[in-house]
């Protein structure tokens, strides 16, 4: 697994977590 692939995967994972957190807060 190359560093670039890992970076893209990690960025996408973090982006999903942040989006889900904002959506949950706005929905409350």
C-alpha atoms as a PDB file:
ATOM      1  CA  UNK A   1       0.000   0.000   0.000  1.00  0.00           C
ATOM      2  CA  UNK A   2       1.586   3.251  -1.117  1.00  0.00           C
ATOM      3  CA  UNK A   3       1.671   6.378   1.017  1.00  0.00           C
ATOM      4  CA  UNK A   4      -0.521   8.256  -1.447  1.00  0.00           C
ATOM      5  CA  UNK A   5      -3.172   5.528  -1.362  1.00  0.00           C
ATOM      6  CA  UNK A   6      -3.106   5.547   2.436  1.00  0.00           C
ATOM      7  CA  UNK A   7      -3.384   9.332   2.521  1.00  0.00           C
ATOM      8  CA  UNK A   8      -6.388   9.309   0.174  1.00  0.00           C
ATOM      9  CA  UNK A   9      -8.080   6.559   2.189  1.00  0.00           C
ATOM     10  CA  UNK A  10      -7.420   8.343   5.496  1.00  0.00           C
ATOM     11  CA  UNK A  11      -8.649  11.684   4.134  1.00  0.00           C
ATOM     12  CA  UNK A  12     -11.858  10.114   2.828  1.00  0.00           C
ATOM     13  CA  UNK A  13     -12.423   8.341   6.161  1.00  0.00           C
ATOM     14  CA  UNK A  14     -11.914  11.538   8.162  1.00  0.00           C
ATOM     15  CA  UNK A  15     -14.116  13.517   5.771  1.00  0.00           C
ATOM     16  CA  UNK A  16     -16.917  10.986   6.261  1.00  0.00           C
ATOM     17  CA  UNK A  17     -16.601  11.192  10.045  1.00  0.00           C
ATOM     18  CA  UNK A  18     -16.731  14.995  10.020  1.00  0.00           C
ATOM     19  CA  UNK A  19     -19.720  15.034   7.652  1.00  0.00           C
ATOM     20  CA  UNK A  20     -21.618  12.506   9.749  1.00  0.00           C
ATOM     21  CA  UNK A  21     -20.883  14.476  12.932  1.00  0.00           C
ATOM     22  CA  UNK A  22     -22.129  17.755  11.406  1.00  0.00           C
ATOM     23  CA  UNK A  23     -25.237  16.062  10.030  1.00  0.00           C
ATOM     24  CA  UNK A  24     -26.016  14.576  13.457  1.00  0.00           C
ATOM     25  CA  UNK A  25     -25.577  17.930  15.209  1.00  0.00           C
ATOM     26  CA  UNK A  26     -27.752  19.745  12.676  1.00  0.00           C
ATOM     27  CA  UNK A  27     -30.418  17.052  12.878  1.00  0.00           C
ATOM     28  CA  UNK A  28     -30.680  17.305  16.679  1.00  0.00           C
END
